[in-house]
Amino acid sequence: MNEPDLNLLFALDVLLAEKSVAAAARRLGLSASAMSRTLGRLREATGDPLLVRAGRQMVLTPYAHAIRERTQSAVFAARAVLRPAPQAFDIATHQQTFTLRANDGFVEAFGPRLIARAASAAPGVRLRFAPKPVKTDRPLREGEADLEIGVPGEMGPEIRLQRLFQDRFVGVVRETHPLAARAGVTPQEYVAWPHVVASRRGLLTGPVDEGLAALGLTRTVAAVVPGFPAALAVARASDLVALVPASFLINLPPAPGIAWFELPVATRPITVSQMWHPRSEADPAHRWLRQFVLGECRALMPEG
């Protein structure tokens, strides 16, 4: 009885994740021709094409889709068997660098507390915050990041997710702005002033515009900037009104002063989550990291 080559299982897992012979070859450190031969062996072993051409791309066959999660689970199980026997875990003496992908707003709001508390509880742990110019699960899949923090986007079905807190948008103006003295800003007062919009893609509209449109109102957008820190800087130095998540205001310095107000129209709440790859699910250090981030975020943004 011929036993299957279990090395093919690891190659299959990468091929199903990448949906590309070239990308799988790069990830496994193989040549494109060697990866093509491996795909040929996998096709022979499974009796299915697995990857087929669709225009300029390769797509998974129905069978490949059906076995994707089973293949990944089998690979995780195999790797777990071959790991060293677990030792007693003590976060106080543990040494590791964790990479967290998060946007600037999260780092500015939660970073100082997370770094200070981690230094106290786990002196050997280093938190490395990495930018996330695009939403993708690739850094989690390829082990480049331990956690992705933000609003879930284009994540694969295998990615684990846990809600950290619910955020909301608020209006921000400079401290001496006429709207800063208002007890309750009306929709008409809100649209009477020019606005700065934060958008990585350069969009001219934001979460508040749908609510304004329902009232027959539109705002004047005078500037578009790539992120919330820039929007806040513009609002501080001008008459423009900025729209930022409430969590972004947690660690703002008292000067130069700004004022914030509740929006006069409803916007969809923002659910901020932490996401990770299932390979880290049972790792004691990663479990500590997830509970640590959850606890510190909830301390600053308690759930109502």
C-alpha atoms as a PDB file:
ATOM      1  CA  MET A   1       0.000   0.000   0.000  1.00  0.00           C
ATOM      2  CA  ASN A   2       1.554   3.294  -1.117  1.00  0.00           C
ATOM      3  CA  GLU A   3       1.504   5.989   1.556  1.00  0.00           C
ATOM      4  CA  PRO A   4       0.813   9.553   0.360  1.00  0.00           C
ATOM      5  CA  ASP A   5       3.613  12.090   0.503  1.00  0.00           C
ATOM      6  CA  LEU A   6       2.541  14.268   3.434  1.00  0.00           C
ATOM      7  CA  ASN A   7       4.800  17.083   2.229  1.00  0.00           C
ATOM      8  CA  LEU A   8       2.184  17.600  -0.458  1.00  0.00           C
ATOM      9  CA  LEU A   9      -0.316  18.540   2.254  1.00  0.00           C
ATOM     10  CA  PHE A  10       1.714  21.599   3.247  1.00  0.00           C
ATOM     11  CA  ALA A  11       2.094  22.644  -0.386  1.00  0.00           C
ATOM     12  CA  LEU A  12      -1.634  22.159  -0.923  1.00  0.00           C
ATOM     13  CA  ASP A  13      -2.426  24.412   2.032  1.00  0.00           C
ATOM     14  CA  VAL A  14      -0.305  27.222   0.600  1.00  0.00           C
ATOM     15  CA  LEU A  15      -1.705  26.823  -2.913  1.00  0.00           C
ATOM     16  CA  LEU A  16      -5.296  26.966  -1.684  1.00  0.00           C
ATOM     17  CA  ALA A  17      -4.505  30.074   0.375  1.00  0.00           C
ATOM     18  CA  GLU A  18      -2.593  31.920  -2.352  1.00  0.00           C
ATOM     19  CA  LYS A  19      -4.622  30.751  -5.398  1.00  0.00           C
ATOM     20  CA  SER A  20      -1.442  31.321  -7.386  1.00  0.00           C
ATOM     21  CA  VAL A  21       1.451  29.057  -8.343  1.00  0.00           C
ATOM     22  CA  ALA A  22       3.886  31.993  -8.389  1.00  0.00           C
ATOM     23  CA  ALA A  23       2.787  33.330  -4.992  1.00  0.00           C
ATOM     24  CA  ALA A  24       2.864  29.847  -3.452  1.00  0.00           C
ATOM     25  CA  ALA A  25       6.372  29.321  -4.841  1.00  0.00           C
ATOM     26  CA  ARG A  26       7.591  32.577  -3.243  1.00  0.00           C
ATOM     27  CA  ARG A  27       6.038  31.667   0.096  1.00  0.00           C
ATOM     28  CA  LEU A  28       7.600  28.199   0.109  1.00  0.00           C
ATOM     29  CA  GLY A  29      10.953  29.338  -1.256  1.00  0.00           C
ATOM     30  CA  LEU A  30      10.632  27.251  -4.427  1.00  0.00           C
ATOM     31  CA  SER A  31      11.069  28.016  -8.087  1.00  0.00           C
ATOM     32  CA  ALA A  32       7.946  28.480 -10.195  1.00  0.00           C
ATOM     33  CA  SER A  33       8.732  25.321 -12.152  1.00  0.00           C
ATOM     34  CA  ALA A  34       9.133  23.277  -8.954  1.00  0.00           C
ATOM     35  CA  MET A  35       5.803  24.600  -7.672  1.00  0.00           C
ATOM     36  CA  SER A  36       4.155  23.726 -10.989  1.00  0.00           C
ATOM     37  CA  ARG A  37       5.455  20.162 -10.690  1.00  0.00           C
ATOM     38  CA  THR A  38       4.107  20.005  -7.131  1.00  0.00           C
ATOM     39  CA  LEU A  39       0.699  21.162  -8.362  1.00  0.00           C
ATOM     40  CA  GLY A  40       0.836  18.397 -10.963  1.00  0.00           C
ATOM     41  CA  ARG A  41       1.511  15.824  -8.250  1.00  0.00           C
ATOM     42  CA  LEU A  42      -1.351  17.209  -6.170  1.00  0.00           C
ATOM     43  CA  ARG A  43      -3.699  16.965  -9.137  1.00  0.00           C
ATOM     44  CA  GLU A  44      -2.662  13.373  -9.654  1.00  0.00           C
ATOM     45  CA  ALA A  45      -3.066  12.541  -5.956  1.00  0.00           C
ATOM     46  CA  THR A  46      -6.496  14.179  -5.564  1.00  0.00           C
ATOM     47  CA  GLY A  47      -7.882  13.511  -9.027  1.00  0.00           C
ATOM     48  CA  ASP A  48      -8.940  17.173  -9.278  1.00  0.00           C
ATOM     49  CA  PRO A  49      -7.430  20.178 -11.116  1.00  0.00           C
ATOM     50  CA  LEU A  50      -7.562  22.241  -7.872  1.00  0.00           C
ATOM     51  CA  LEU A  51      -6.548  25.488  -9.625  1.00  0.00           C
ATOM     52  CA  VAL A  52      -7.886  26.458 -13.047  1.00  0.00           C
ATOM     53  CA  ARG A  53      -7.368  29.467 -15.263  1.00  0.00           C
ATOM     54  CA  ALA A  54     -10.083  32.157 -15.260  1.00  0.00           C
ATOM     55  CA  GLY A  55      -8.981  35.013 -17.485  1.00  0.00           C
ATOM     56  CA  ARG A  56      -5.685  36.288 -16.125  1.00  0.00           C
ATOM     57  CA  GLN A  57      -6.135  34.665 -12.732  1.00  0.00           C
ATOM     58  CA  MET A  58      -6.278  31.200 -11.239  1.00  0.00           C
ATOM     59  CA  VAL A  59      -9.364  30.184  -9.258  1.00  0.00           C
ATOM     60  CA  LEU A  60     -10.121  27.259  -6.976  1.00  0.00           C
ATOM     61  CA  THR A  61     -12.282  24.402  -8.229  1.00  0.00           C
ATOM     62  CA  PRO A  62     -15.372  23.477  -6.170  1.00  0.00           C
ATOM     63  CA  TYR A  63     -13.441  20.543  -4.703  1.00  0.00           C
ATOM     64  CA  ALA A  64     -10.559  22.808  -3.728  1.00  0.00           C
ATOM     65  CA  HIS A  65     -12.996  25.160  -1.989  1.00  0.00           C
ATOM     66  CA  ALA A  66     -14.538  22.224  -0.154  1.00  0.00           C
ATOM     67  CA  ILE A  67     -11.220  20.958   1.243  1.00  0.00           C
ATOM     68  CA  ARG A  68      -9.603  24.300   2.028  1.00  0.00           C
ATOM     69  CA  GLU A  69     -10.530  24.447   5.717  1.00  0.00           C
ATOM     70  CA  ARG A  70      -9.913  20.722   6.237  1.00  0.00           C
ATOM     71  CA  THR A  71      -6.476  21.061   4.673  1.00  0.00           C
ATOM     72  CA  GLN A  72      -5.596  23.993   6.894  1.00  0.00           C
ATOM     73  CA  SER A  73      -6.795  22.177  10.010  1.00  0.00           C
ATOM     74  CA  ALA A  74      -4.722  19.135   9.087  1.00  0.00           C
ATOM     75  CA  VAL A  75      -1.613  21.271   8.636  1.00  0.00           C
ATOM     76  CA  PHE A  76      -2.147  23.013  11.972  1.00  0.00           C
ATOM     77  CA  ALA A  77      -2.614  19.661  13.704  1.00  0.00           C
ATOM     78  CA  ALA A  78       0.532  18.233  12.116  1.00  0.00           C
ATOM     79  CA  ARG A  79       2.607  21.231  13.160  1.00  0.00           C
ATOM     80  CA  ALA A  80       1.231  21.053  16.697  1.00  0.00           C
ATOM     81  CA  VAL A  81       2.292  17.399  16.984  1.00  0.00           C
ATOM     82  CA  LEU A  82       5.851  18.261  15.956  1.00  0.00           C
ATOM     83  CA  ARG A  83       6.240  21.200  18.346  1.00  0.00           C
ATOM     84  CA  PRO A  84       8.277  20.818  21.546  1.00  0.00           C
ATOM     85  CA  ALA A  85       6.291  19.694  24.580  1.00  0.00           C
ATOM     86  CA  PRO A  86       4.715  22.749  26.260  1.00  0.00           C
ATOM     87  CA  GLN A  87       6.523  24.142  29.263  1.00  0.00           C
ATOM     88  CA  ALA A  88       4.936  25.997  32.179  1.00  0.00           C
ATOM     89  CA  PHE A  89       3.990  29.453  30.918  1.00  0.00           C
ATOM     90  CA  ASP A  90       4.770  32.554  32.973  1.00  0.00           C
ATOM     91  CA  ILE A  91       4.130  35.883  31.281  1.00  0.00           C
ATOM     92  CA  ALA A  92       6.315  37.653  33.871  1.00  0.00           C
ATOM     93  CA  THR A  93       9.407  35.877  32.512  1.00  0.00           C
ATOM     94  CA  HIS A  94       8.268  35.299  28.925  1.00  0.00           C
ATOM     95  CA  GLN A  95      10.232  37.007  26.148  1.00  0.00           C
ATOM     96  CA  GLN A  96       8.605  37.704  22.790  1.00  0.00           C
ATOM     97  CA  THR A  97       7.880  40.479  20.310  1.00  0.00           C
ATOM     98  CA  PHE A  98       4.245  40.724  19.247  1.00  0.00           C
ATOM     99  CA  THR A  99       3.314  42.580  16.065  1.00  0.00           C
ATOM    100  CA  LEU A 100      -0.054  44.353  16.050  1.00  0.00           C
ATOM    101  CA  ARG A 101      -1.376  45.875  12.824  1.00  0.00           C
ATOM    102  CA  ALA A 102      -3.462  48.933  13.698  1.00  0.00           C
ATOM    103  CA  ASN A 103      -4.228  52.373  12.319  1.00  0.00           C
ATOM    104  CA  ASP A 104      -2.756  55.579  13.733  1.00  0.00           C
ATOM    105  CA  GLY A 105      -5.921  56.425  15.654  1.00  0.00           C
ATOM    106  CA  PHE A 106      -5.838  53.187  17.620  1.00  0.00           C
ATOM    107  CA  VAL A 107      -2.117  53.486  18.350  1.00  0.00           C
ATOM    108  CA  GLU A 108      -2.466  57.063  19.598  1.00  0.00           C
ATOM    109  CA  ALA A 109      -5.536  56.268  21.718  1.00  0.00           C
ATOM    110  CA  PHE A 110      -4.621  52.864  23.156  1.00  0.00           C
ATOM    111  CA  GLY A 111      -0.898  52.482  22.495  1.00  0.00           C
ATOM    112  CA  PRO A 112       0.379  54.361  25.565  1.00  0.00           C
ATOM    113  CA  ARG A 113      -1.743  52.308  27.969  1.00  0.00           C
ATOM    114  CA  LEU A 114      -0.985  49.005  26.249  1.00  0.00           C
ATOM    115  CA  ILE A 115       2.758  49.669  26.230  1.00  0.00           C
ATOM    116  CA  ALA A 116       2.867  50.810  29.866  1.00  0.00           C
ATOM    117  CA  ARG A 117       0.746  47.920  31.162  1.00  0.00           C
ATOM    118  CA  ALA A 118       2.669  45.345  29.127  1.00  0.00           C
ATOM    119  CA  ALA A 119       5.978  46.667  30.461  1.00  0.00           C
ATOM    120  CA  SER A 120       4.664  46.221  33.995  1.00  0.00           C
ATOM    121  CA  ALA A 121       3.085  42.778  33.599  1.00  0.00           C
ATOM    122  CA  ALA A 122       5.557  41.302  31.098  1.00  0.00           C
ATOM    123  CA  PRO A 123       8.962  43.045  31.035  1.00  0.00           C
ATOM    124  CA  GLY A 124      10.235  40.646  28.385  1.00  0.00           C
ATOM    125  CA  VAL A 125       7.374  41.346  25.975  1.00  0.00           C
ATOM    126  CA  ARG A 126       7.763  43.933  23.223  1.00  0.00           C
ATOM    127  CA  LEU A 127       4.754  45.375  21.383  1.00  0.00           C
ATOM    128  CA  ARG A 128       5.494  46.358  17.810  1.00  0.00           C
ATOM    129  CA  PHE A 129       2.723  48.374  16.150  1.00  0.00           C
ATOM    130  CA  ALA A 130       2.745  48.080  12.363  1.00  0.00           C
ATOM    131  CA  PRO A 131       0.780  50.268   9.934  1.00  0.00           C
ATOM    132  CA  LYS A 132      -2.104  48.813   7.951  1.00  0.00           C
ATOM    133  CA  PRO A 133      -2.370  50.750   4.683  1.00  0.00           C
ATOM    134  CA  VAL A 134      -4.876  48.164   3.381  1.00  0.00           C
ATOM    135  CA  LYS A 135      -7.222  45.646   4.969  1.00  0.00           C
ATOM    136  CA  THR A 136      -5.908  42.183   4.225  1.00  0.00           C
ATOM    137  CA  ASP A 137      -5.460  38.913   6.079  1.00  0.00           C
ATOM    138  CA  ARG A 138      -2.126  38.190   4.381  1.00  0.00           C
ATOM    139  CA  PRO A 139       0.094  39.360   7.303  1.00  0.00           C
ATOM    140  CA  LEU A 140      -1.882  37.099   9.660  1.00  0.00           C
ATOM    141  CA  ARG A 141      -1.774  34.137   7.267  1.00  0.00           C
ATOM    142  CA  GLU A 142       1.936  34.501   6.626  1.00  0.00           C
ATOM    143  CA  GLY A 143       2.874  35.063  10.269  1.00  0.00           C
ATOM    144  CA  GLU A 144       3.990  38.671   9.769  1.00  0.00           C
ATOM    145  CA  ALA A 145       1.464  39.928  12.349  1.00  0.00           C
ATOM    146  CA  ASP A 146       0.065  38.433  15.531  1.00  0.00           C
ATOM    147  CA  LEU A 147      -3.053  40.604  15.704  1.00  0.00           C
ATOM    148  CA  GLU A 148      -4.992  42.782  13.296  1.00  0.00           C
ATOM    149  CA  ILE A 149      -7.006  45.474  15.069  1.00  0.00           C
ATOM    150  CA  GLY A 150      -9.793  47.430  13.417  1.00  0.00           C
ATOM    151  CA  VAL A 151     -13.065  47.028  11.575  1.00  0.00           C
ATOM    152  CA  PRO A 152     -13.209  43.582   9.928  1.00  0.00           C
ATOM    153  CA  GLY A 153     -12.875  43.801   6.168  1.00  0.00           C
ATOM    154  CA  GLU A 154     -11.591  41.381   3.551  1.00  0.00           C
ATOM    155  CA  MET A 155     -10.683  38.579   5.925  1.00  0.00           C
ATOM    156  CA  GLY A 156     -10.681  34.877   5.073  1.00  0.00           C
ATOM    157  CA  PRO A 157     -13.259  32.602   6.698  1.00  0.00           C
ATOM    158  CA  GLU A 158     -10.602  30.975   8.860  1.00  0.00           C
ATOM    159  CA  ILE A 159      -9.549  34.214  10.586  1.00  0.00           C
ATOM    160  CA  ARG A 160     -10.670  34.386  14.222  1.00  0.00           C
ATOM    161  CA  LEU A 161     -12.383  37.556  15.416  1.00  0.00           C
ATOM    162  CA  GLN A 162     -13.251  39.059  18.801  1.00  0.00           C
ATOM    163  CA  ARG A 163     -15.044  42.327  19.439  1.00  0.00           C
ATOM    164  CA  LEU A 164     -13.017  44.775  21.518  1.00  0.00           C
ATOM    165  CA  PHE A 165     -15.386  47.727  21.826  1.00  0.00           C
ATOM    166  CA  GLN A 166     -17.980  49.777  20.002  1.00  0.00           C
ATOM    167  CA  ASP A 167     -16.983  53.245  18.877  1.00  0.00           C
ATOM    168  CA  ARG A 168     -18.894  56.165  17.380  1.00  0.00           C
ATOM    169  CA  PHE A 169     -18.095  59.265  15.334  1.00  0.00           C
ATOM    170  CA  VAL A 170     -18.119  62.725  16.905  1.00  0.00           C
ATOM    171  CA  GLY A 171     -17.589  66.226  15.570  1.00  0.00           C
ATOM    172  CA  VAL A 172     -14.388  68.077  16.473  1.00  0.00           C
ATOM    173  CA  VAL A 173     -13.600  71.792  16.239  1.00  0.00           C
ATOM    174  CA  ARG A 174     -11.014  74.138  17.675  1.00  0.00           C
ATOM    175  CA  GLU A 175     -11.616  75.300  21.223  1.00  0.00           C
ATOM    176  CA  THR A 176     -12.669  78.816  20.203  1.00  0.00           C
ATOM    177  CA  HIS A 177     -14.925  77.711  17.346  1.00  0.00           C
ATOM    178  CA  PRO A 178     -18.552  78.956  17.572  1.00  0.00           C
ATOM    179  CA  LEU A 179     -19.795  75.350  17.556  1.00  0.00           C
ATOM    180  CA  ALA A 180     -17.683  74.578  20.634  1.00  0.00           C
ATOM    181  CA  ALA A 181     -20.024  76.643  22.810  1.00  0.00           C
ATOM    182  CA  ARG A 182     -23.202  74.979  21.559  1.00  0.00           C
ATOM    183  CA  ALA A 183     -24.980  72.649  23.995  1.00  0.00           C
ATOM    184  CA  GLY A 184     -26.549  70.740  21.122  1.00  0.00           C
ATOM    185  CA  VAL A 185     -25.427  71.326  17.548  1.00  0.00           C
ATOM    186  CA  THR A 186     -28.331  71.223  15.071  1.00  0.00           C
ATOM    187  CA  PRO A 187     -28.026  69.715  11.578  1.00  0.00           C
ATOM    188  CA  GLN A 188     -28.340  73.194  10.067  1.00  0.00           C
ATOM    189  CA  GLU A 189     -25.542  74.554  12.260  1.00  0.00           C
ATOM    190  CA  TYR A 190     -23.406  71.540  11.450  1.00  0.00           C
ATOM    191  CA  VAL A 191     -23.587  72.035   7.673  1.00  0.00           C
ATOM    192  CA  ALA A 192     -23.140  75.816   7.921  1.00  0.00           C
ATOM    193  CA  TRP A 193     -19.381  75.341   8.409  1.00  0.00           C
ATOM    194  CA  PRO A 194     -16.809  73.842   6.009  1.00  0.00           C
ATOM    195  CA  HIS A 195     -15.532  70.365   6.781  1.00  0.00           C
ATOM    196  CA  VAL A 196     -12.347  68.304   6.539  1.00  0.00           C
ATOM    197  CA  VAL A 197     -12.806  64.640   5.600  1.00  0.00           C
ATOM    198  CA  ALA A 198     -10.400  61.842   6.532  1.00  0.00           C
ATOM    199  CA  SER A 199     -10.163  59.222   3.788  1.00  0.00           C
ATOM    200  CA  ARG A 200      -7.270  57.004   2.711  1.00  0.00           C
ATOM    201  CA  ARG A 201      -8.927  56.699  -0.710  1.00  0.00           C
ATOM    202  CA  GLY A 202      -9.596  60.427  -1.097  1.00  0.00           C
ATOM    203  CA  LEU A 203     -13.380  60.128  -0.839  1.00  0.00           C
ATOM    204  CA  LEU A 204     -15.362  63.339  -0.433  1.00  0.00           C
ATOM    205  CA  THR A 205     -18.111  61.832   1.698  1.00  0.00           C
ATOM    206  CA  GLY A 206     -18.137  60.112   5.054  1.00  0.00           C
ATOM    207  CA  PRO A 207     -20.396  58.295   7.507  1.00  0.00           C
ATOM    208  CA  VAL A 208     -22.400  61.407   8.382  1.00  0.00           C
ATOM    209  CA  ASP A 209     -23.465  62.311   4.853  1.00  0.00           C
ATOM    210  CA  GLU A 210     -26.121  59.625   4.581  1.00  0.00           C
ATOM    211  CA  GLY A 211     -27.908  60.995   7.656  1.00  0.00           C
ATOM    212  CA  LEU A 212     -27.662  64.552   6.368  1.00  0.00           C
ATOM    213  CA  ALA A 213     -29.052  63.524   2.984  1.00  0.00           C
ATOM    214  CA  ALA A 214     -32.112  62.081   4.700  1.00  0.00           C
ATOM    215  CA  LEU A 215     -32.778  65.599   6.025  1.00  0.00           C
ATOM    216  CA  GLY A 216     -32.184  67.193   2.627  1.00  0.00           C
ATOM    217  CA  LEU A 217     -28.861  68.652   3.762  1.00  0.00           C
ATOM    218  CA  THR A 218     -25.312  68.496   2.439  1.00  0.00           C
ATOM    219  CA  ARG A 219     -22.078  69.749   3.939  1.00  0.00           C
ATOM    220  CA  THR A 220     -19.279  71.622   2.201  1.00  0.00           C
ATOM    221  CA  VAL A 221     -16.034  69.636   2.122  1.00  0.00           C
ATOM    222  CA  ALA A 222     -13.115  72.045   1.998  1.00  0.00           C
ATOM    223  CA  ALA A 223     -10.316  69.502   2.409  1.00  0.00           C
ATOM    224  CA  VAL A 224      -9.595  65.784   2.279  1.00  0.00           C
ATOM    225  CA  VAL A 225      -6.715  64.284   4.265  1.00  0.00           C
ATOM    226  CA  PRO A 226      -5.456  60.678   4.498  1.00  0.00           C
ATOM    227  CA  GLY A 227      -6.212  60.024   8.176  1.00  0.00           C
ATOM    228  CA  PHE A 228      -7.816  61.161  11.416  1.00  0.00           C
ATOM    229  CA  PRO A 229      -4.622  62.655  12.943  1.00  0.00           C
ATOM    230  CA  ALA A 230      -4.330  64.999   9.965  1.00  0.00           C
ATOM    231  CA  ALA A 231      -8.053  65.861  10.134  1.00  0.00           C
ATOM    232  CA  LEU A 232      -7.680  66.752  13.791  1.00  0.00           C
ATOM    233  CA  ALA A 233      -4.642  68.940  13.079  1.00  0.00           C
ATOM    234  CA  VAL A 234      -6.600  70.819  10.400  1.00  0.00           C
ATOM    235  CA  ALA A 235      -9.566  71.352  12.739  1.00  0.00           C
ATOM    236  CA  ARG A 236      -7.283  72.659  15.488  1.00  0.00           C
ATOM    237  CA  ALA A 237      -5.776  75.265  13.162  1.00  0.00           C
ATOM    238  CA  SER A 238      -8.856  76.409  11.229  1.00  0.00           C
ATOM    239  CA  ASP A 239     -12.632  76.823  11.216  1.00  0.00           C
ATOM    240  CA  LEU A 240     -13.102  73.431   9.568  1.00  0.00           C
ATOM    241  CA  VAL A 241     -15.115  70.728  11.304  1.00  0.00           C
ATOM    242  CA  ALA A 242     -13.585  67.264  11.561  1.00  0.00           C
ATOM    243  CA  LEU A 243     -15.250  63.880  12.001  1.00  0.00           C
ATOM    244  CA  VAL A 244     -13.280  61.394  14.128  1.00  0.00           C
ATOM    245  CA  PRO A 245     -13.990  58.286  16.218  1.00  0.00           C
ATOM    246  CA  ALA A 246     -14.645  59.111  19.883  1.00  0.00           C
ATOM    247  CA  SER A 247     -11.863  56.721  20.932  1.00  0.00           C
ATOM    248  CA  PHE A 248      -9.375  58.913  19.081  1.00  0.00           C
ATOM    249  CA  LEU A 249      -9.873  61.633  21.716  1.00  0.00           C
ATOM    250  CA  ILE A 250      -8.832  59.481  24.698  1.00  0.00           C
ATOM    251  CA  ASN A 251      -5.225  60.623  24.904  1.00  0.00           C
ATOM    252  CA  LEU A 252      -5.393  64.057  23.328  1.00  0.00           C
ATOM    253  CA  PRO A 253      -3.167  66.598  25.093  1.00  0.00           C
ATOM    254  CA  PRO A 254      -4.998  69.545  26.652  1.00  0.00           C
ATOM    255  CA  ALA A 255      -3.337  72.099  24.374  1.00  0.00           C
ATOM    256  CA  PRO A 256      -3.757  73.290  21.756  1.00  0.00           C
ATOM    257  CA  GLY A 257      -7.379  72.932  22.788  1.00  0.00           C
ATOM    258  CA  ILE A 258     -10.143  71.291  20.836  1.00  0.00           C
ATOM    259  CA  ALA A 259     -13.796  70.675  21.579  1.00  0.00           C
ATOM    260  CA  TRP A 260     -16.010  67.818  20.486  1.00  0.00           C
ATOM    261  CA  PHE A 261     -19.764  67.410  20.178  1.00  0.00           C
ATOM    262  CA  GLU A 262     -22.258  64.671  19.459  1.00  0.00           C
ATOM    263  CA  LEU A 263     -23.330  64.585  15.833  1.00  0.00           C
ATOM    264  CA  PRO A 264     -26.788  65.966  15.047  1.00  0.00           C
ATOM    265  CA  VAL A 265     -27.583  62.927  12.861  1.00  0.00           C
ATOM    266  CA  ALA A 266     -27.183  59.229  13.520  1.00  0.00           C
ATOM    267  CA  THR A 267     -24.249  57.299  12.058  1.00  0.00           C
ATOM    268  CA  ARG A 268     -23.588  53.581  12.054  1.00  0.00           C
ATOM    269  CA  PRO A 269     -21.654  52.428  15.134  1.00  0.00           C
ATOM    270  CA  ILE A 270     -18.064  51.291  14.638  1.00  0.00           C
ATOM    271  CA  THR A 271     -17.293  47.808  15.941  1.00  0.00           C
ATOM    272  CA  VAL A 272     -13.557  47.506  16.559  1.00  0.00           C
ATOM    273  CA  SER A 273     -12.269  43.927  16.754  1.00  0.00           C
ATOM    274  CA  GLN A 274      -9.044  42.010  17.127  1.00  0.00           C
ATOM    275  CA  MET A 275      -8.344  39.324  14.542  1.00  0.00           C
ATOM    276  CA  TRP A 276      -5.824  36.494  14.496  1.00  0.00           C
ATOM    277  CA  HIS A 277      -4.902  33.366  12.583  1.00  0.00           C
ATOM    278  CA  PRO A 278      -6.098  30.052  14.038  1.00  0.00           C
ATOM    279  CA  ARG A 279      -2.512  28.754  14.197  1.00  0.00           C
ATOM    280  CA  SER A 280      -2.154  30.954  17.307  1.00  0.00           C
ATOM    281  CA  GLU A 281      -5.440  29.912  18.910  1.00  0.00           C
ATOM    282  CA  ALA A 282      -3.968  27.589  21.557  1.00  0.00           C
ATOM    283  CA  ASP A 283      -0.596  29.289  22.039  1.00  0.00           C
ATOM    284  CA  PRO A 284      -0.454  30.414  25.701  1.00  0.00           C
ATOM    285  CA  ALA A 285       1.494  33.597  24.922  1.00  0.00           C
ATOM    286  CA  HIS A 286      -0.962  34.568  22.205  1.00  0.00           C
ATOM    287  CA  ARG A 287      -3.889  33.798  24.500  1.00  0.00           C
ATOM    288  CA  TRP A 288      -2.358  36.173  27.043  1.00  0.00           C
ATOM    289  CA  LEU A 289      -1.924  38.831  24.347  1.00  0.00           C
ATOM    290  CA  ARG A 290      -5.574  38.605  23.282  1.00  0.00           C
ATOM    291  CA  GLN A 291      -6.890  38.798  26.840  1.00  0.00           C
ATOM    292  CA  PHE A 292      -4.487  41.640  27.603  1.00  0.00           C
ATOM    293  CA  VAL A 293      -5.579  43.734  24.601  1.00  0.00           C
ATOM    294  CA  LEU A 294      -9.255  43.012  25.302  1.00  0.00           C
ATOM    295  CA  GLY A 295      -8.992  43.983  28.966  1.00  0.00           C
ATOM    296  CA  GLU A 296      -7.070  47.207  28.361  1.00  0.00           C
ATOM    297  CA  CYS A 297      -9.355  48.325  25.524  1.00  0.00           C
ATOM    298  CA  ARG A 298     -12.467  47.630  27.604  1.00  0.00           C
ATOM    299  CA  ALA A 299     -10.927  49.607  30.482  1.00  0.00           C
ATOM    300  CA  LEU A 300     -10.673  52.686  28.254  1.00  0.00           C
ATOM    301  CA  MET A 301     -13.852  52.073  26.247  1.00  0.00           C
ATOM    302  CA  PRO A 302     -16.245  50.129  28.561  1.00  0.00           C
ATOM    303  CA  GLU A 303     -19.154  48.452  26.845  1.00  0.00           C
ATOM    304  CA  GLY A 304     -22.457  50.072  27.672  1.00  0.00           C
END
